[in-house]
Each structure stands twice: as C-alpha cells, then as structure tokens.
C-alpha atoms as a PDB file:
ATOM      1  CA  PHE A   1       0.110  13.866  -1.451  1.00  0.00           C
ATOM      2  CA  HIS A   2      -2.620  16.679  -2.049  1.00  0.00           C
ATOM      3  CA  VAL A   3      -3.245  16.996   1.993  1.00  0.00           C
ATOM      4  CA  SER A   4      -3.662  20.214   3.588  1.00  0.00           C
ATOM      5  CA  ARG A   5      -1.071  21.632   5.947  1.00  0.00           C
ATOM      6  CA  THR A   6      -3.897  20.829   8.706  1.00  0.00           C
ATOM      7  CA  ILE A   7      -4.146  17.400   8.154  1.00  0.00           C
ATOM      8  CA  VAL A   8      -0.287  17.079   8.176  1.00  0.00           C
ATOM      9  CA  ARG A   9      -0.440  18.821  11.495  1.00  0.00           C
ATOM     10  CA  GLN A  10      -3.111  17.058  13.612  1.00  0.00           C
ATOM     11  CA  ALA A  11      -0.914  13.694  12.221  1.00  0.00           C
ATOM     12  CA  LEU A  12       2.387  15.576  13.314  1.00  0.00           C
ATOM     13  CA  ASN A  13       0.458  16.171  16.855  1.00  0.00           C
ATOM     14  CA  GLN A  14      -0.715  12.909  17.314  1.00  0.00           C
ATOM     15  CA  LEU A  15       2.798  11.072  16.742  1.00  0.00           C
ATOM     16  CA  SER A  16       4.343  13.886  19.358  1.00  0.00           C
ATOM     17  CA  ARG A  17       1.662  12.876  21.586  1.00  0.00           C
ATOM     18  CA  ASP A  18       2.816   9.224  20.876  1.00  0.00           C
ATOM     19  CA  ARG A  19       6.422  10.400  21.824  1.00  0.00           C
ATOM     20  CA  LEU A  20       7.733   9.029  18.326  1.00  0.00           C
ATOM     21  CA  VAL A  21       8.130  12.829  16.895  1.00  0.00           C
ATOM     22  CA  VAL A  22       9.872  15.363  18.738  1.00  0.00           C
ATOM     23  CA  LEU A  23       7.925  19.224  17.463  1.00  0.00           C
ATOM     24  CA  GLU A  24      10.423  21.783  17.941  1.00  0.00           C
ATOM     25  CA  PRO A  25       8.757  25.651  17.022  1.00  0.00           C
ATOM     26  CA  ALA A  26      10.163  27.366  14.309  1.00  0.00           C
ATOM     27  CA  ARG A  27      12.352  24.854  13.645  1.00  0.00           C
ATOM     28  CA  GLY A  28      10.141  21.709  12.834  1.00  0.00           C
ATOM     29  CA  ALA A  29       9.169  18.120  13.087  1.00  0.00           C
ATOM     30  CA  PHE A  30      11.937  15.257  13.995  1.00  0.00           C
ATOM     31  CA  VAL A  31      12.193  12.059  14.550  1.00  0.00           C
ATOM     32  CA  ALA A  32      12.167  11.112  18.536  1.00  0.00           C
ATOM     33  CA  THR A  33      15.598   9.446  19.928  1.00  0.00           C
ATOM     34  CA  PRO A  34      14.751   7.951  23.056  1.00  0.00           C
ATOM     35  CA  SER A  35      17.447   8.162  25.704  1.00  0.00           C
ATOM     36  CA  VAL A  36      19.259   5.051  27.249  1.00  0.00           C
ATOM     37  CA  ASP A  37      17.905   5.857  30.248  1.00  0.00           C
ATOM     38  CA  GLU A  38      14.044   5.841  28.445  1.00  0.00           C
ATOM     39  CA  ALA A  39      14.568   2.648  27.032  1.00  0.00           C
ATOM     40  CA  ARG A  40      15.814   1.006  30.059  1.00  0.00           C
ATOM     41  CA  GLN A  41      12.332   2.417  32.062  1.00  0.00           C
ATOM     42  CA  VAL A  42      10.011   1.085  28.945  1.00  0.00           C
ATOM     43  CA  PHE A  43      11.420  -2.424  29.178  1.00  0.00           C
ATOM     44  CA  GLU A  44      11.443  -2.111  32.976  1.00  0.00           C
ATOM     45  CA  VAL A  45       7.458  -1.387  33.076  1.00  0.00           C
ATOM     46  CA  ARG A  46       6.688  -3.821  29.884  1.00  0.00           C
ATOM     47  CA  SER A  47       8.280  -6.650  32.022  1.00  0.00           C
ATOM     48  CA  MET A  48       6.052  -5.736  35.039  1.00  0.00           C
ATOM     49  CA  LEU A  49       2.686  -5.612  32.567  1.00  0.00           C
ATOM     50  CA  GLU A  50       3.802  -8.643  30.421  1.00  0.00           C
ATOM     51  CA  VAL A  51       4.348 -11.527  32.731  1.00  0.00           C
ATOM     52  CA  ALA A  52       1.118 -10.433  34.535  1.00  0.00           C
ATOM     53  CA  MET A  53      -0.512 -10.737  31.400  1.00  0.00           C
ATOM     54  CA  VAL A  54       0.987 -13.951  30.461  1.00  0.00           C
ATOM     55  CA  ARG A  55       0.303 -15.737  33.586  1.00  0.00           C
ATOM     56  CA  SER A  56      -3.161 -14.609  33.314  1.00  0.00           C
ATOM     57  CA  LEU A  57      -3.615 -15.204  29.387  1.00  0.00           C
ATOM     58  CA  CYS A  58      -2.318 -19.351  30.229  1.00  0.00           C
ATOM     59  CA  GLU A  59      -6.033 -19.473  32.279  1.00  0.00           C
ATOM     60  CA  ARG A  60      -7.945 -18.714  29.696  1.00  0.00           C
ATOM     61  CA  ILE A  61      -6.101 -19.069  26.722  1.00  0.00           C
ATOM     62  CA  THR A  62      -8.546 -21.122  23.872  1.00  0.00           C
ATOM     63  CA  SER A  63      -7.289 -23.486  21.005  1.00  0.00           C
ATOM     64  CA  ALA A  64      -8.408 -20.707  18.312  1.00  0.00           C
ATOM     65  CA  GLN A  65      -6.448 -18.077  20.227  1.00  0.00           C
ATOM     66  CA  VAL A  66      -3.368 -20.122  19.911  1.00  0.00           C
ATOM     67  CA  ALA A  67      -3.666 -21.150  16.542  1.00  0.00           C
ATOM     68  CA  THR A  68      -3.987 -17.406  15.844  1.00  0.00           C
ATOM     69  CA  LEU A  69      -0.884 -16.988  17.713  1.00  0.00           C
ATOM     70  CA  ARG A  70       0.867 -19.810  15.990  1.00  0.00           C
ATOM     71  CA  ALA A  71       0.275 -18.273  12.602  1.00  0.00           C
ATOM     72  CA  HIS A  72       1.733 -14.552  13.604  1.00  0.00           C
ATOM     73  CA  LEU A  73       4.792 -16.370  14.881  1.00  0.00           C
ATOM     74  CA  GLN A  74       4.977 -17.697  10.859  1.00  0.00           C
ATOM     75  CA  GLN A  75       4.864 -14.138   9.696  1.00  0.00           C
ATOM     76  CA  GLU A  76       7.245 -13.139  12.155  1.00  0.00           C
ATOM     77  CA  GLN A  77       9.777 -15.992  11.385  1.00  0.00           C
ATOM     78  CA  ALA A  78       9.243 -14.884   7.348  1.00  0.00           C
ATOM     79  CA  ALA A  79      10.161 -11.123   8.290  1.00  0.00           C
ATOM     80  CA  VAL A  80      13.168 -12.140  10.253  1.00  0.00           C
ATOM     81  CA  ALA A  81      14.491 -14.863   6.874  1.00  0.00           C
ATOM     82  CA  ARG A  82      14.230 -12.016   4.504  1.00  0.00           C
ATOM     83  CA  THR A  83      15.562  -9.256   6.785  1.00  0.00           C
ATOM     84  CA  ASP A  84      12.867  -6.907   6.252  1.00  0.00           C
ATOM     85  CA  VAL A  85      13.964  -4.969   8.981  1.00  0.00           C
ATOM     86  CA  PRO A  86      10.896  -2.571   9.195  1.00  0.00           C
ATOM     87  CA  GLY A  87       8.598  -5.482   9.032  1.00  0.00           C
ATOM     88  CA  ARG A  88      10.403  -7.569  11.478  1.00  0.00           C
ATOM     89  CA  THR A  89      10.237  -4.854  13.849  1.00  0.00           C
ATOM     90  CA  ARG A  90       6.154  -4.118  13.554  1.00  0.00           C
ATOM     91  CA  LEU A  91       5.552  -7.758  13.634  1.00  0.00           C
ATOM     92  CA  LEU A  92       7.901  -8.570  16.757  1.00  0.00           C
ATOM     93  CA  ALA A  93       6.252  -5.805  18.791  1.00  0.00           C
ATOM     94  CA  ASP A  94       2.779  -6.984  17.581  1.00  0.00           C
ATOM     95  CA  PHE A  95       3.449 -10.213  18.888  1.00  0.00           C
ATOM     96  CA  HIS A  96       3.035  -8.398  22.131  1.00  0.00           C
ATOM     97  CA  THR A  97      -0.174  -6.652  21.152  1.00  0.00           C
ATOM     98  CA  VAL A  98      -1.758  -9.780  19.597  1.00  0.00           C
ATOM     99  CA  LEU A  99      -0.896 -11.279  23.198  1.00  0.00           C
ATOM    100  CA  ALA A 100      -2.750  -8.373  25.077  1.00  0.00           C
ATOM    101  CA  GLN A 101      -5.553  -8.522  22.691  1.00  0.00           C
ATOM    102  CA  LEU A 102      -6.325 -11.953  23.434  1.00  0.00           C
ATOM    103  CA  SER A 103      -5.851 -10.961  26.968  1.00  0.00           C
ATOM    104  CA  GLY A 104      -9.681  -9.436  26.588  1.00  0.00           C
ATOM    105  CA  ASN A 105      -8.283  -6.566  28.603  1.00  0.00           C
ATOM    106  CA  ALA A 106      -8.880  -3.529  26.557  1.00  0.00           C
ATOM    107  CA  VAL A 107      -7.191  -0.896  29.053  1.00  0.00           C
ATOM    108  CA  LEU A 108      -3.775  -3.402  29.280  1.00  0.00           C
ATOM    109  CA  ALA A 109      -4.074  -3.270  25.534  1.00  0.00           C
ATOM    110  CA  ARG A 110      -4.029   0.641  24.979  1.00  0.00           C
ATOM    111  CA  LEU A 111      -1.393   0.737  27.914  1.00  0.00           C
ATOM    112  CA  LEU A 112       1.233  -1.951  26.368  1.00  0.00           C
ATOM    113  CA  ALA A 113       0.380  -0.243  22.766  1.00  0.00           C
ATOM    114  CA  ASP A 114       2.234   3.134  23.686  1.00  0.00           C
ATOM    115  CA  LEU A 115       4.978   1.083  25.377  1.00  0.00           C
ATOM    116  CA  LEU A 116       5.499  -1.102  22.395  1.00  0.00           C
ATOM    117  CA  SER A 117       5.112   2.007  19.752  1.00  0.00           C
ATOM    118  CA  ARG A 118       7.917   3.576  22.068  1.00  0.00           C
ATOM    119  CA  SER A 119       9.755   0.090  22.066  1.00  0.00           C
ATOM    120  CA  SER A 120       9.784  -0.383  18.095  1.00  0.00           C
ATOM    121  CA  LEU A 121      11.469   3.026  17.943  1.00  0.00           C
ATOM    122  CA  ILE A 122      13.972   2.000  20.359  1.00  0.00           C
ATOM    123  CA  ALA A 123      14.463  -1.412  18.646  1.00  0.00           C
ATOM    124  CA  LEU A 124      14.729   0.574  14.991  1.00  0.00           C
ATOM    125  CA  MET A 125      17.702   2.489  16.532  1.00  0.00           C
ATOM    126  CA  TYR A 126      19.382  -0.299  18.503  1.00  0.00           C
ATOM    127  CA  GLN A 127      18.362  -3.578  17.157  1.00  0.00           C
ATOM    128  CA  SER A 128      20.721  -6.304  15.760  1.00  0.00           C
ATOM    129  CA  ALA A 129      19.442  -8.369  13.079  1.00  0.00           C
ATOM    130  CA  HIS A 130      20.732 -11.407  15.321  1.00  0.00           C
ATOM    131  CA  SER A 131      18.791 -10.029  18.055  1.00  0.00           C
ATOM    132  CA  ALA A 132      15.537  -9.793  16.098  1.00  0.00           C
ATOM    133  CA  GLY A 133      15.901 -13.383  14.997  1.00  0.00           C
ATOM    134  CA  HIS A 134      16.677 -14.535  19.103  1.00  0.00           C
ATOM    135  CA  SER A 135      13.286 -12.821  19.767  1.00  0.00           C
ATOM    136  CA  GLN A 136      11.229 -14.652  17.162  1.00  0.00           C
ATOM    137  CA  GLU A 137      12.743 -17.730  19.140  1.00  0.00           C
ATOM    138  CA  GLU A 138      11.903 -16.575  22.313  1.00  0.00           C
ATOM    139  CA  HIS A 139       8.176 -15.983  21.019  1.00  0.00           C
ATOM    140  CA  VAL A 140       7.589 -19.765  20.451  1.00  0.00           C
ATOM    141  CA  ARG A 141       8.834 -20.881  23.279  1.00  0.00           C
ATOM    142  CA  ILE A 142       6.897 -18.595  24.935  1.00  0.00           C
ATOM    143  CA  VAL A 143       3.443 -19.708  22.981  1.00  0.00           C
ATOM    144  CA  ASP A 144       4.554 -23.560  23.589  1.00  0.00           C
ATOM    145  CA  ALA A 145       4.068 -22.467  27.626  1.00  0.00           C
ATOM    146  CA  ILE A 146       0.672 -20.936  26.527  1.00  0.00           C
ATOM    147  CA  GLU A 147      -0.785 -23.451  25.002  1.00  0.00           C
ATOM    148  CA  ARG A 148       0.402 -25.748  27.758  1.00  0.00           C
ATOM    149  CA  ARG A 149      -0.951 -23.306  30.186  1.00  0.00           C
ATOM    150  CA  ASP A 150       2.293 -23.107  32.280  1.00  0.00           C
ATOM    151  CA  ALA A 151       1.895 -20.204  34.040  1.00  0.00           C
ATOM    152  CA  ARG A 152       5.120 -20.313  35.798  1.00  0.00           C
ATOM    153  CA  ALA A 153       7.058 -21.210  32.798  1.00  0.00           C
ATOM    154  CA  ALA A 154       5.336 -18.296  30.421  1.00  0.00           C
ATOM    155  CA  ALA A 155       5.987 -15.788  33.122  1.00  0.00           C
ATOM    156  CA  ARG A 156       9.735 -16.599  33.399  1.00  0.00           C
ATOM    157  CA  LEU A 157       9.684 -16.984  29.838  1.00  0.00           C
ATOM    158  CA  MET A 158       8.626 -13.501  29.249  1.00  0.00           C
ATOM    159  CA  ALA A 159      10.553 -11.758  31.964  1.00  0.00           C
ATOM    160  CA  GLN A 160      13.757 -13.535  30.116  1.00  0.00           C
ATOM    161  CA  HIS A 161      12.537 -12.518  26.673  1.00  0.00           C
ATOM    162  CA  LEU A 162      12.232  -8.881  27.952  1.00  0.00           C
ATOM    163  CA  THR A 163      15.486  -8.626  29.340  1.00  0.00           C
ATOM    164  CA  SER A 164      16.983 -10.490  26.799  1.00  0.00           C
ATOM    165  CA  VAL A 165      15.829  -8.033  24.468  1.00  0.00           C
ATOM    166  CA  GLU A 166      16.872  -4.885  26.718  1.00  0.00           C
ATOM    167  CA  ARG A 167      20.383  -6.550  26.930  1.00  0.00           C
ATOM    168  CA  ASN A 168      20.961  -7.051  23.284  1.00  0.00           C
ATOM    169  CA  LEU A 169      19.995  -3.355  22.168  1.00  0.00           C
ATOM    170  CA  GLN A 170      22.934  -1.271  21.220  1.00  0.00           C
ATOM    171  CA  LEU A 171      22.576   0.859  24.430  1.00  0.00           C
ATOM    172  CA  GLU A 172      26.158   1.571  24.557  1.00  0.00           C
ATOM    173  CA  PRO A 173      27.193   3.261  21.746  1.00  0.00           C
ATOM    174  CA  ARG A 174      30.976   1.821  20.605  1.00  0.00           C
ATOM    175  CA  THR A 175      32.614   5.749  20.915  1.00  0.00           C
ATOM    176  CA  PRO A 176      31.909   8.362  23.221  1.00  0.00           C
ATOM    177  CA  ASP A 177      31.206  10.994  20.546  1.00  0.00           C
ATOM    178  CA  LEU A 178      30.885  11.712  16.856  1.00  0.00           C
ATOM    179  CA  ALA A 179      34.586  13.812  17.369  1.00  0.00           C
ATOM    180  CA  SER A 180      36.005  10.543  18.564  1.00  0.00           C
ATOM    181  CA  ALA A 181      34.981   8.306  15.700  1.00  0.00           C
ATOM    182  CA  LEU A 182      36.066  10.633  13.618  1.00  0.00           C
ATOM    183  CA  ARG A 183      39.534  11.465  14.864  1.00  0.00           C
ATOM    184  CA  PRO A 184      42.500   9.563  13.107  1.00  0.00           C
ATOM    185  CA  THR A 185      44.039   6.190  15.000  1.00  0.00           C
ATOM    186  CA  ALA A 186      47.610   6.058  15.621  1.00  0.00           C
END
C-alpha cells in the first residue's frame, strides 16, 4: 500500500486500544477474539446505556430525525436481503450509533461507539444470518415506538432487542474443542 511501517504501527496501536487487535511482542498483530464472558458483559453494559438512551430520545425526536432513522432501516434491510455479512454487521451496529448521535449526547455517543466496535467483532464471530434479519426487524419496531414518542415501549423493545441479539449469538460451541470435532464418530 506504499505506506511506512510507522503508519502501520500507529494503525495497529489504535486498533489495539479499540480492543479489535491483540499485539503480541515478537509475534505480531492478531484479530482479537472476545471471550463468551466478555461478549455477555458488553451486552449488559449496552443494555444499561441504550435503554436509557431511547427513553430520552423519545422526548426530543424530530420528524427529520425519524426520516434519518427510516433511511438507515432501508439500508439495513437491503444489506440483510443480499447477505452482505460485513455490510449488514456494520449497518446493524450503525443503527445504534445513529440513535446515540441523534440523542445529542457526545459522551454517550463515544462510549457506545467503543462498545459497538467490540459488539461488531463479536457479531462477526458469533452471529447467524437469521439473527441478523431478526435484528433488523426489531430495529423497525424500535423506530416505530420512538416515532410515536412511546418511551416505555421504546425502552422495552430496546431491552428485548439486546437480549435477543445476545441470546441469538452462537456463544456456546457445538463441540467442546477441535480434538473432539475431529475425532471419528462410532
């Protein structure tokens, strides 16, 4: 790519700070592999933040902001329909970023951006195509509640959505380890 090692090193250090890459001295850089426990913790914190966020957003949402959300939902639906895994993962996470930006709270938006980058890596590792389509449908229901300014419903739907996303992740391996997977069956 005709860039210096310094720039590559800086990029890898930033990815490491974002917990997307693990740097191992004398070995190199590796894509992070969040544990099942970390995945669950990320979703627990997201639920705390995002339920309060949508409740607050219902109080101040404008018609133009709802239109922004609806346009985003159309992009999500298109990515899920064409089984664009990286695209759908990015757009499904971006939905939550858009909500945070519309809330007008820059601190919340930054905190959520960190959690969402970690969630995206978790989703790429553990999410199925079926659960991605289900997430997109849940986003539609959340926006419907926000548009009605129904804070109670929006908060409930967001909590259910995050619980559903976490539950639909394939966090428990089908086989306990590689040796078991390769062992011949009787």
